[in-house]
Amino acid sequence: MSVSVLLKKLFSSALPLVSAGLVLAACTTNPATGERQIAPLMSSAQEAKAGAEAHPKILEAYGGAYDDEKLGAYVAGVTARIVRATNQPSNPYRVTVLDSPVVNAFALPGGYVYVTRGLMALVNDEAELAGVIGHEIGHVAARHSAQRQTAALGTSVLGAVLGAVVGSSAVNQVVGLGGQGFLASYSRDQEYEADMLGVRYLANAGYDPYAAADFLHSMNAQDQLEAKMAGAAHDASQNNWLSSHPATPERVAAARRHAQDTGAPPSGRARSRDSYLSAIDGMLYGDDPSEGVVRDRTFIHPVLRFSFEAPPGFTVMNAPSAVAIQGPQRSVAKFDAGRKAAGMEIGQYLANEWAQGVRLGGLERFTVNGMKAATATTKIGDYNARLVVIEFSEDRVYRFLTGTLPQAGQQYDSAMREMVLSFRKISAAEARAVKPLRIRIVTARAGDNIGTLASRMVHSEFQADRFRVLNGLEPGQRVSAGERFKIVSD
């Protein structure tokens, strides 16, 4: 892939297609809410087909199913309980725990429900998990995906879009950008409707219906923490790029109103915290070492045998095909791998292969910890960008693409340079020392507080903040002896 394509993906945002007109369609009754709506142009059979075709691609995009039969069975049991509480209890649903550290949950047409282990690490009890699953089942039961496709169709593009949705291209549309497609871009009303249905299912299943609002609050706290670690302002109205379900204060308040409408008293229903914590004890947390791991600001790949460190105030996020680095004032970087022909000079590779067709300035050769490297600059939209490529072996290269906005001046140039220069090969002993992180359940003892428990976390930065968010605790909230909490350790 040329760097011009990569640059567009990194620095541009997708603009929604707005149809030229609305498709005239008959009205029908929404099976989940009982309200009248425009009949979706996709049939239930077509939705099921699209979901079935997308399922293997979702597994591929999210690292496959998490290999823990006991945990999978536990989640399946919670799902079955929620399904029995819907108005369509005979509909089939298939739940999968995805082996991904990303905090996400979604459902495909046809009853395919997914929760990531990253989301399960943030959940604090069974009722919260049930609320998440209920929300996703609400999307499926209300046929929101089909409604969204119907609303997007204009008369001039009707045939083309329908062909993409129900034909062989359905998988590509579903997986889309980062596994979104059917999974994201629900309207505000659809998100609120799924929240309402999820709360209703919680109450019908005998769970505490306030659990849904509590988890949305935890997601908002997680977004705030990520912004704090990145040195950025937090805007709760904006989507977290790691999640298709932003947790805004408005949604939290609405979910609490829905819970009040059920008539159940706050904290008067089952939450099953102990059983949930026992179920996730030992669950993998963060990245799988085989795909590289993030340790605070350091990225280490024990299989490919390299590491680098991001600057202070920057956050590092690992993904299957690249590592994203985000810093203050919207400064960004992307790290990935490439192949070059054996014998090709590194500067030629940058100018003629990776950056083919891109106007470059200041092409230079240098070395990084004994490895040949080349760098050049360019302009990408509003960003001042720098390209760096490092020759790791005769035919393998690693690449940094960094970008800063003009208003930031040159204050991050030195930090970005130090990040590049920190790239190095690691020894076999260093690679063996990289162990996976796991969720461990600990019991508070007399004299424990948030500080003492947080000190047992593997992270060296933002320990207390991470511990509070991980356990759904408010600032200033105290812990009591005998309470069980989540920590992250190896």
Protein backbone atom coordinates (compact mmCIF):
# COMPACT_ATOMS: atom_id res chain seq x y z
CA MET A 1 0.00 0.00 0.00
CA SER A 2 1.41 3.41 -0.95
CA VAL A 3 2.03 6.01 1.69
CA SER A 4 -0.48 8.35 0.02
CA VAL A 5 -3.24 5.86 0.82
CA LEU A 6 -1.93 5.44 4.36
CA LEU A 7 -1.81 9.19 4.84
CA LYS A 8 -5.40 9.58 3.78
CA LYS A 9 -6.45 6.88 6.23
CA LEU A 10 -4.50 8.45 9.06
CA PHE A 11 -5.35 12.12 8.63
CA SER A 12 -8.72 12.20 6.88
CA SER A 13 -12.13 11.39 8.24
CA ALA A 14 -14.85 9.54 6.41
CA LEU A 15 -17.76 11.69 5.33
CA PRO A 16 -21.22 10.15 5.43
CA LEU A 17 -23.06 9.65 2.17
CA VAL A 18 -26.37 11.47 2.19
CA SER A 19 -28.91 10.10 -0.22
CA ALA A 20 -30.65 12.36 -2.69
CA GLY A 21 -34.09 11.29 -1.60
CA LEU A 22 -36.02 8.89 0.56
CA VAL A 23 -37.27 5.55 -0.65
CA LEU A 24 -40.99 5.18 -0.50
CA ALA A 25 -41.81 2.05 1.45
CA ALA A 26 -44.69 0.53 3.31
CA CYS A 27 -45.03 0.85 7.05
CA THR A 28 -44.75 -2.03 9.46
CA THR A 29 -44.71 -2.60 13.21
CA ASN A 30 -41.34 -2.57 14.94
CA PRO A 31 -41.07 -6.05 16.48
CA ALA A 32 -39.25 -4.80 19.57
CA THR A 33 -41.07 -1.58 20.40
CA GLY A 34 -44.50 -2.12 18.85
CA GLU A 35 -44.31 1.24 17.10
CA ARG A 36 -45.00 1.89 13.43
CA GLN A 37 -42.01 2.46 11.16
CA ILE A 38 -40.99 2.38 7.51
CA ALA A 39 -40.56 -1.25 6.51
CA PRO A 40 -36.87 -2.11 6.05
CA LEU A 41 -35.96 -2.96 2.48
CA MET A 42 -33.84 -5.90 3.66
CA SER A 43 -35.81 -8.96 4.64
CA SER A 44 -35.05 -10.86 7.83
CA ALA A 45 -33.58 -13.65 5.71
CA GLN A 46 -31.28 -11.20 3.94
CA GLU A 47 -30.17 -9.75 7.27
CA ALA A 48 -29.41 -13.22 8.60
CA LYS A 49 -27.40 -14.00 5.48
CA ALA A 50 -25.39 -10.79 5.83
CA GLY A 51 -24.65 -11.61 9.47
CA ALA A 52 -23.58 -15.16 8.69
CA GLU A 53 -21.25 -13.99 5.91
CA ALA A 54 -19.73 -11.31 8.12
CA HIS A 55 -19.12 -13.53 11.17
CA PRO A 56 -15.81 -15.08 10.05
CA LYS A 57 -14.52 -11.65 8.97
CA ILE A 58 -15.40 -10.21 12.37
CA LEU A 59 -13.44 -13.02 14.03
CA GLU A 60 -10.46 -12.27 11.80
CA ALA A 61 -10.61 -8.52 12.45
CA TYR A 62 -10.88 -8.90 16.23
CA GLY A 63 -8.33 -11.62 16.88
CA GLY A 64 -10.77 -14.54 16.89
CA ALA A 65 -12.79 -15.91 19.77
CA TYR A 66 -11.17 -15.75 23.20
CA ASP A 67 -10.03 -19.25 24.09
CA ASP A 68 -11.75 -19.81 27.44
CA GLU A 69 -14.66 -22.24 27.30
CA LYS A 70 -15.72 -21.52 30.88
CA LEU A 71 -15.91 -17.78 30.31
CA GLY A 72 -17.67 -18.29 26.99
CA ALA A 73 -20.28 -20.50 28.64
CA TYR A 74 -20.79 -17.92 31.38
CA VAL A 75 -21.45 -15.14 28.84
CA ALA A 76 -23.73 -17.44 26.85
CA GLY A 77 -25.76 -18.09 29.99
CA VAL A 78 -26.19 -14.36 30.63
CA THR A 79 -27.23 -13.89 27.01
CA ALA A 80 -29.81 -16.67 27.22
CA ARG A 81 -31.32 -15.07 30.33
CA ILE A 82 -31.65 -11.74 28.53
CA VAL A 83 -33.12 -13.34 25.39
CA ARG A 84 -35.82 -15.00 27.50
CA ALA A 85 -36.75 -11.54 28.78
CA THR A 86 -37.34 -10.09 25.31
CA ASN A 87 -40.64 -10.13 23.43
CA GLN A 88 -39.09 -12.60 20.96
CA PRO A 89 -37.60 -15.26 23.27
CA SER A 90 -37.48 -17.92 20.56
CA ASN A 91 -35.18 -15.91 18.28
CA PRO A 92 -31.71 -17.46 18.01
CA TYR A 93 -28.72 -15.52 19.30
CA ARG A 94 -25.06 -16.55 19.14
CA VAL A 95 -22.67 -14.78 21.50
CA THR A 96 -18.89 -14.64 21.03
CA VAL A 97 -16.25 -13.25 23.37
CA LEU A 98 -13.67 -11.67 21.06
CA ASP A 99 -9.95 -11.85 21.86
CA SER A 100 -9.47 -8.10 21.63
CA PRO A 101 -8.35 -5.50 24.20
CA VAL A 102 -10.59 -2.89 22.58
CA VAL A 103 -13.58 -1.88 24.72
CA ASN A 104 -16.43 -2.76 22.40
CA ALA A 105 -19.64 -4.73 21.98
CA PHE A 106 -21.85 -5.05 18.95
CA ALA A 107 -24.32 -7.31 17.20
CA LEU A 108 -24.87 -8.30 13.60
CA PRO A 109 -28.19 -8.97 11.89
CA GLY A 110 -29.18 -12.58 12.33
CA GLY A 111 -28.46 -12.62 16.07
CA TYR A 112 -24.65 -12.59 16.17
CA VAL A 113 -23.67 -10.85 19.42
CA TYR A 114 -20.08 -9.93 20.31
CA VAL A 115 -18.37 -8.62 23.44
CA THR A 116 -14.63 -8.06 23.65
CA ARG A 117 -12.53 -9.14 26.60
CA GLY A 118 -11.49 -5.48 26.77
CA LEU A 119 -15.08 -4.54 27.52
CA MET A 120 -15.44 -7.38 30.01
CA ALA A 121 -12.44 -6.04 31.93
CA LEU A 122 -14.30 -2.72 32.38
CA VAL A 123 -17.60 -4.35 33.42
CA ASN A 124 -18.01 -4.70 37.19
CA ASP A 125 -20.83 -7.21 37.63
CA GLU A 126 -23.12 -9.58 35.79
CA ALA A 127 -25.95 -7.05 35.61
CA GLU A 128 -23.73 -4.57 33.76
CA LEU A 129 -22.72 -7.28 31.28
CA ALA A 130 -26.38 -8.20 30.84
CA GLY A 131 -27.15 -4.54 30.15
CA VAL A 132 -24.52 -4.37 27.42
CA ILE A 133 -25.82 -7.56 25.81
CA GLY A 134 -29.40 -6.33 26.17
CA HIS A 135 -28.50 -3.12 24.37
CA GLU A 136 -27.00 -5.06 21.46
CA ILE A 137 -29.95 -7.45 21.30
CA GLY A 138 -32.15 -4.35 21.24
CA HIS A 139 -30.41 -3.21 18.05
CA VAL A 140 -31.05 -6.60 16.44
CA ALA A 141 -34.63 -6.98 17.68
CA ALA A 142 -35.55 -3.47 16.48
CA ARG A 143 -33.82 -4.18 13.14
CA HIS A 144 -31.77 -1.00 13.37
CA SER A 145 -29.23 -2.14 10.78
CA ALA A 146 -31.91 -2.68 8.18
CA GLN A 147 -33.57 0.64 9.09
CA ARG A 148 -30.26 2.43 8.68
CA GLN A 149 -29.72 0.95 5.25
CA THR A 150 -33.26 1.89 4.23
CA ALA A 151 -32.87 5.49 5.40
CA ALA A 152 -29.61 5.83 3.47
CA LEU A 153 -31.02 4.71 0.14
CA GLY A 154 -31.80 7.32 -2.50
CA THR A 155 -33.73 6.41 -5.64
CA SER A 156 -30.63 6.89 -7.80
CA VAL A 157 -28.46 4.51 -5.79
CA LEU A 158 -31.09 2.02 -4.65
CA GLY A 159 -30.02 -0.87 -6.82
CA ALA A 160 -26.28 -0.44 -6.23
CA VAL A 161 -26.53 -0.19 -2.45
CA LEU A 162 -28.97 -3.06 -2.16
CA GLY A 163 -26.61 -5.20 -4.19
CA ALA A 164 -23.78 -4.40 -1.80
CA VAL A 165 -25.89 -5.13 1.26
CA VAL A 166 -27.45 -8.44 0.32
CA GLY A 167 -24.97 -9.77 -2.20
CA SER A 168 -21.44 -11.08 -1.97
CA SER A 169 -20.13 -7.65 -0.91
CA ALA A 170 -22.05 -7.72 2.36
CA VAL A 171 -19.04 -8.91 4.30
CA ASN A 172 -16.93 -5.96 3.16
CA GLN A 173 -19.65 -3.48 4.06
CA VAL A 174 -20.12 -5.01 7.50
CA VAL A 175 -16.42 -5.13 8.35
CA GLY A 176 -15.79 -1.73 6.77
CA LEU A 177 -13.48 0.71 8.51
CA GLY A 178 -12.05 -1.07 11.53
CA GLY A 179 -14.88 -3.58 11.74
CA GLN A 180 -17.68 -1.00 11.78
CA GLY A 181 -20.15 -1.10 8.86
CA PHE A 182 -23.32 -2.52 10.33
CA LEU A 183 -21.76 -2.11 13.77
CA ALA A 184 -21.64 1.66 14.01
CA SER A 185 -23.25 4.83 12.75
CA TYR A 186 -26.58 4.11 14.35
CA SER A 187 -28.61 7.27 14.70
CA ARG A 188 -28.95 9.04 18.02
CA ASP A 189 -32.56 7.86 18.25
CA GLN A 190 -31.57 4.25 17.56
CA GLU A 191 -28.90 4.32 20.30
CA TYR A 192 -31.42 5.69 22.77
CA GLU A 193 -33.98 3.12 21.67
CA ALA A 194 -31.48 0.29 22.16
CA ASP A 195 -30.66 1.71 25.61
CA MET A 196 -34.35 1.72 26.48
CA LEU A 197 -34.82 -1.85 25.29
CA GLY A 198 -31.71 -3.02 27.13
CA VAL A 199 -32.98 -1.54 30.40
CA ARG A 200 -36.37 -3.14 29.82
CA TYR A 201 -34.78 -6.54 29.22
CA LEU A 202 -32.65 -6.12 32.37
CA ALA A 203 -35.73 -5.51 34.49
CA ASN A 204 -37.69 -8.35 32.86
CA ALA A 205 -34.77 -10.73 33.51
CA GLY A 206 -34.67 -9.83 37.21
CA TYR A 207 -31.46 -7.78 37.06
CA ASP A 208 -30.97 -4.31 38.51
CA PRO A 209 -32.02 -2.05 35.61
CA TYR A 210 -29.73 0.74 36.89
CA ALA A 211 -26.74 -1.38 35.87
CA ALA A 212 -26.98 -0.14 32.27
CA ALA A 213 -26.48 3.48 33.32
CA ASP A 214 -23.64 2.49 35.64
CA PHE A 215 -21.71 0.88 32.80
CA LEU A 216 -22.28 3.83 30.49
CA HIS A 217 -20.86 5.99 33.27
CA SER A 218 -17.81 3.69 33.47
CA MET A 219 -17.26 4.03 29.72
CA ASN A 220 -17.38 7.79 30.05
CA ALA A 221 -14.84 7.60 32.89
CA GLN A 222 -12.60 5.45 30.68
CA ASP A 223 -12.81 8.04 27.89
CA GLN A 224 -11.90 10.78 30.38
CA LEU A 225 -8.91 8.79 31.60
CA GLU A 226 -7.66 8.17 28.06
CA ALA A 227 -7.91 11.89 27.36
CA LYS A 228 -6.06 12.69 30.58
CA MET A 229 -3.26 10.25 29.77
CA ALA A 230 -2.97 11.80 26.30
CA GLY A 231 -2.92 15.32 27.73
CA ALA A 232 -6.06 16.18 25.77
CA ALA A 233 -9.36 17.77 26.69
CA HIS A 234 -12.22 15.31 27.08
CA ASP A 235 -15.38 15.92 25.08
CA ALA A 236 -18.07 13.45 26.13
CA SER A 237 -20.18 14.34 23.10
CA GLN A 238 -17.61 12.88 20.73
CA ASN A 239 -17.27 9.23 19.81
CA ASN A 240 -14.33 7.35 21.23
CA TRP A 241 -12.57 5.93 18.16
CA LEU A 242 -12.22 2.64 20.08
CA SER A 243 -15.95 2.23 20.58
CA SER A 244 -19.07 2.21 18.45
CA HIS A 245 -21.17 3.15 21.51
CA PRO A 246 -20.10 6.51 23.00
CA ALA A 247 -21.09 6.94 26.64
CA THR A 248 -22.36 10.50 26.87
CA PRO A 249 -23.76 12.05 30.07
CA GLU A 250 -27.08 12.46 28.25
CA ARG A 251 -27.26 8.72 27.59
CA VAL A 252 -26.39 7.96 31.20
CA ALA A 253 -29.20 10.22 32.40
CA ALA A 254 -31.66 8.73 29.92
CA ALA A 255 -30.75 5.18 30.96
CA ARG A 256 -31.37 6.10 34.59
CA ARG A 257 -34.79 7.51 33.67
CA HIS A 258 -35.62 4.26 31.87
CA ALA A 259 -34.58 2.34 34.99
CA GLN A 260 -36.84 4.53 37.13
CA ASP A 261 -39.71 3.84 34.76
CA THR A 262 -39.45 0.11 35.50
CA GLY A 263 -40.42 0.79 39.10
CA ALA A 264 -37.46 -1.15 40.48
CA PRO A 265 -35.74 0.55 43.43
CA PRO A 266 -32.05 1.53 42.97
CA SER A 267 -29.75 -1.33 44.05
CA GLY A 268 -32.81 -3.42 44.85
CA ARG A 269 -32.16 -6.12 42.26
CA ALA A 270 -29.47 -8.72 41.61
CA ARG A 271 -26.05 -7.54 40.39
CA SER A 272 -24.11 -10.84 40.88
CA ARG A 273 -20.77 -9.07 41.33
CA ASP A 274 -18.95 -11.95 43.00
CA SER A 275 -19.91 -14.50 40.34
CA TYR A 276 -18.83 -12.10 37.60
CA LEU A 277 -15.48 -11.31 39.20
CA SER A 278 -14.82 -15.02 39.67
CA ALA A 279 -15.64 -15.63 36.00
CA ILE A 280 -13.09 -13.09 34.72
CA ASP A 281 -10.32 -13.85 37.24
CA GLY A 282 -7.20 -14.62 35.17
CA MET A 283 -8.64 -13.24 31.91
CA LEU A 284 -6.06 -11.87 29.48
CA TYR A 285 -5.82 -8.08 29.67
CA GLY A 286 -4.47 -5.79 27.01
CA ASP A 287 -2.50 -7.08 24.05
CA ASP A 288 -1.58 -10.68 23.32
CA PRO A 289 2.25 -10.79 23.35
CA SER A 290 2.24 -12.58 20.01
CA GLU A 291 0.85 -9.35 18.50
CA GLY A 292 3.10 -7.00 20.47
CA VAL A 293 2.30 -5.35 23.79
CA VAL A 294 2.01 -1.84 25.21
CA ARG A 295 3.64 -1.25 28.58
CA ASP A 296 2.82 2.32 29.64
CA ARG A 297 4.41 4.27 26.74
CA THR A 298 6.62 1.46 25.41
CA PHE A 299 5.65 -0.87 22.57
CA ILE A 300 7.45 -4.23 22.60
CA HIS A 301 7.09 -7.03 20.07
CA PRO A 302 8.66 -10.15 21.60
CA VAL A 303 8.11 -12.27 18.48
CA LEU A 304 9.53 -9.81 15.94
CA ARG A 305 12.10 -8.68 18.54
CA PHE A 306 11.94 -4.88 18.63
CA SER A 307 10.70 -2.05 20.86
CA PHE A 308 10.27 1.71 20.92
CA GLU A 309 9.06 4.28 23.45
CA ALA A 310 6.56 7.08 22.88
CA PRO A 311 7.18 10.54 24.39
CA PRO A 312 5.78 11.55 27.80
CA GLY A 313 2.16 12.68 27.49
CA PHE A 314 1.53 10.38 24.51
CA THR A 315 -0.60 7.22 24.50
CA VAL A 316 0.15 4.07 22.49
CA MET A 317 -2.61 1.92 21.00
CA ASN A 318 -1.91 -1.40 19.32
CA ALA A 319 -3.95 -2.73 16.41
CA PRO A 320 -3.47 -5.76 14.14
CA SER A 321 -1.92 -3.82 11.25
CA ALA A 322 -0.40 -0.76 12.93
CA VAL A 323 0.38 1.03 16.18
CA ALA A 324 -1.24 4.43 16.73
CA ILE A 325 0.41 7.05 18.94
CA GLN A 326 -1.60 10.07 20.07
CA GLY A 327 -0.29 13.14 21.86
CA PRO A 328 -1.18 16.67 22.95
CA GLN A 329 -2.60 19.23 20.53
CA ARG A 330 -3.72 16.47 18.17
CA SER A 331 -0.17 15.36 17.42
CA VAL A 332 -0.24 11.83 16.04
CA ALA A 333 1.98 9.06 14.75
CA LYS A 334 1.52 5.73 13.07
CA PHE A 335 3.96 2.82 13.15
CA ASP A 336 3.79 -0.18 10.84
CA ALA A 337 5.88 -2.68 8.88
CA GLY A 338 6.73 -3.02 5.22
CA ARG A 339 8.67 -5.12 2.75
CA LYS A 340 11.31 -3.93 0.31
CA ALA A 341 13.32 -5.62 -2.36
CA ALA A 342 16.61 -7.01 -1.11
CA GLY A 343 19.41 -4.67 -2.09
CA MET A 344 17.18 -1.61 -2.55
CA GLU A 345 18.73 1.42 -0.88
CA ILE A 346 16.62 2.67 2.04
CA GLY A 347 16.24 6.23 0.72
CA GLN A 348 15.09 4.92 -2.65
CA TYR A 349 12.52 2.75 -0.89
CA LEU A 350 11.09 5.76 0.94
CA ALA A 351 10.94 8.03 -2.11
CA ASN A 352 10.02 5.54 -4.83
CA GLU A 353 8.07 2.81 -3.06
CA TRP A 354 6.48 3.89 0.21
CA ALA A 355 5.96 7.57 -0.75
CA GLN A 356 5.44 7.03 -4.45
CA GLY A 357 3.59 10.03 -5.90
CA VAL A 358 4.00 12.15 -2.76
CA ARG A 359 5.88 15.46 -2.91
CA LEU A 360 8.69 15.16 -0.37
CA GLY A 361 11.19 17.56 1.08
CA GLY A 362 14.48 17.17 2.91
CA LEU A 363 15.20 13.51 2.15
CA GLU A 364 18.02 12.41 4.46
CA ARG A 365 19.82 9.17 5.38
CA PHE A 366 20.92 8.40 8.94
CA THR A 367 21.18 5.43 11.31
CA VAL A 368 19.04 4.24 14.22
CA ASN A 369 20.88 1.99 16.67
CA GLY A 370 23.05 0.58 13.90
CA MET A 371 20.23 0.24 11.36
CA LYS A 372 20.09 2.24 8.12
CA ALA A 373 17.24 4.75 7.99
CA ALA A 374 15.83 7.53 5.86
CA THR A 375 13.46 10.41 6.52
CA ALA A 376 11.60 13.10 4.60
CA THR A 377 8.86 15.65 5.20
CA THR A 378 5.61 16.47 3.46
CA LYS A 379 2.37 18.36 3.99
CA ILE A 380 -0.85 16.40 4.58
CA GLY A 381 -3.90 18.58 4.85
CA ASP A 382 -3.36 20.78 7.89
CA TYR A 383 -0.58 18.54 9.20
CA ASN A 384 3.18 18.90 8.93
CA ALA A 385 4.19 15.27 8.47
CA ARG A 386 7.44 13.36 8.66
CA LEU A 387 8.12 9.92 7.19
CA VAL A 388 10.80 7.68 8.66
CA VAL A 389 11.73 4.22 7.43
CA ILE A 390 14.21 1.90 9.19
CA GLU A 391 15.88 -1.09 7.57
CA PHE A 392 15.40 -3.90 10.09
CA SER A 393 16.72 -6.65 7.80
CA GLU A 394 17.57 -7.03 4.13
CA ASP A 395 13.92 -7.14 3.06
CA ARG A 396 11.97 -5.91 6.10
CA VAL A 397 11.45 -2.29 7.13
CA TYR A 398 9.60 -0.49 9.91
CA ARG A 399 7.99 2.89 9.34
CA PHE A 400 6.98 5.90 11.44
CA LEU A 401 4.56 8.47 10.06
CA THR A 402 4.26 11.47 12.38
CA GLY A 403 2.11 14.57 12.14
CA THR A 404 1.77 17.85 14.03
CA LEU A 405 -0.45 20.87 13.44
CA PRO A 406 1.14 24.26 12.60
CA GLN A 407 -0.20 25.84 15.81
CA ALA A 408 1.89 23.36 17.80
CA GLY A 409 5.02 24.76 16.19
CA GLN A 410 8.10 22.62 16.64
CA GLN A 411 7.58 21.79 20.32
CA TYR A 412 6.94 18.10 19.61
CA ASP A 413 9.57 17.63 16.89
CA SER A 414 12.27 16.67 19.38
CA ALA A 415 9.95 14.25 21.20
CA MET A 416 8.97 12.56 17.94
CA ARG A 417 12.64 12.31 16.97
CA GLU A 418 13.50 10.67 20.29
CA MET A 419 10.69 8.15 19.74
CA VAL A 420 12.18 7.19 16.39
CA LEU A 421 15.68 6.96 17.84
CA SER A 422 14.38 4.70 20.64
CA PHE A 423 13.54 1.99 18.10
CA ARG A 424 15.86 -0.95 18.69
CA LYS A 425 16.22 -4.68 18.37
CA ILE A 426 15.71 -6.62 21.61
CA SER A 427 17.54 -9.69 22.82
CA ALA A 428 16.08 -13.15 23.19
CA ALA A 429 16.19 -12.74 26.97
CA GLU A 430 14.23 -9.47 26.75
CA ALA A 431 11.67 -11.14 24.51
CA ARG A 432 11.21 -14.04 26.93
CA ALA A 433 10.67 -11.60 29.78
CA VAL A 434 7.50 -10.20 28.17
CA LYS A 435 4.58 -11.86 29.90
CA PRO A 436 0.88 -11.40 29.19
CA LEU A 437 -1.09 -9.22 31.58
CA ARG A 438 -4.19 -10.58 33.26
CA ILE A 439 -7.10 -9.46 35.35
CA ARG A 440 -6.54 -10.65 38.91
CA ILE A 441 -9.22 -10.47 41.59
CA VAL A 442 -7.92 -9.41 45.00
CA THR A 443 -9.64 -8.91 48.36
CA ALA A 444 -9.07 -5.70 50.30
CA ARG A 445 -7.56 -6.18 53.75
CA ALA A 446 -7.80 -3.98 56.82
CA GLY A 447 -5.79 -0.82 56.20
CA ASP A 448 -6.03 -1.07 52.39
CA ASN A 449 -7.05 1.95 50.37
CA ILE A 450 -7.13 2.86 46.70
CA GLY A 451 -3.43 3.73 46.80
CA THR A 452 -2.29 0.42 48.32
CA LEU A 453 -4.45 -1.62 45.95
CA ALA A 454 -3.46 0.45 42.92
CA SER A 455 0.23 -0.05 43.77
CA ARG A 456 -0.27 -3.73 42.96
CA MET A 457 -1.12 -2.82 39.36
CA VAL A 458 1.58 -3.43 36.77
CA HIS A 459 1.26 0.08 35.36
CA SER A 460 3.76 2.66 36.54
CA GLU A 461 1.74 5.67 35.38
CA PHE A 462 -1.75 6.80 36.47
CA GLN A 463 -2.01 3.83 38.84
CA ALA A 464 -4.76 5.19 41.10
CA ASP A 465 -6.75 6.57 38.15
CA ARG A 466 -6.55 3.25 36.31
CA PHE A 467 -7.62 1.33 39.42
CA ARG A 468 -10.63 3.59 40.04
CA VAL A 469 -11.87 3.41 36.45
CA LEU A 470 -11.27 -0.34 36.21
CA ASN A 471 -13.42 -0.87 39.31
CA GLY A 472 -16.07 1.76 38.72
CA LEU A 473 -15.02 3.87 41.72
CA GLU A 474 -15.60 7.60 42.04
CA PRO A 475 -12.77 9.96 43.05
CA GLY A 476 -12.62 10.01 46.85
CA GLN A 477 -14.58 6.78 47.22
CA ARG A 478 -13.14 4.46 49.85
CA VAL A 479 -12.69 0.71 49.88
CA SER A 480 -13.71 -1.64 52.68
CA ALA A 481 -11.99 -4.73 54.02
CA GLY A 482 -13.45 -7.86 52.44
CA GLU A 483 -14.42 -6.18 49.17
CA ARG A 484 -13.11 -7.76 45.96
CA PHE A 485 -11.48 -5.68 43.25
CA LYS A 486 -9.83 -6.03 39.87
CA ILE A 487 -6.16 -5.30 39.34
CA VAL A 488 -3.92 -5.82 36.33
CA SER A 489 -0.76 -7.87 36.84
CA ASP A 490 1.31 -10.49 35.06
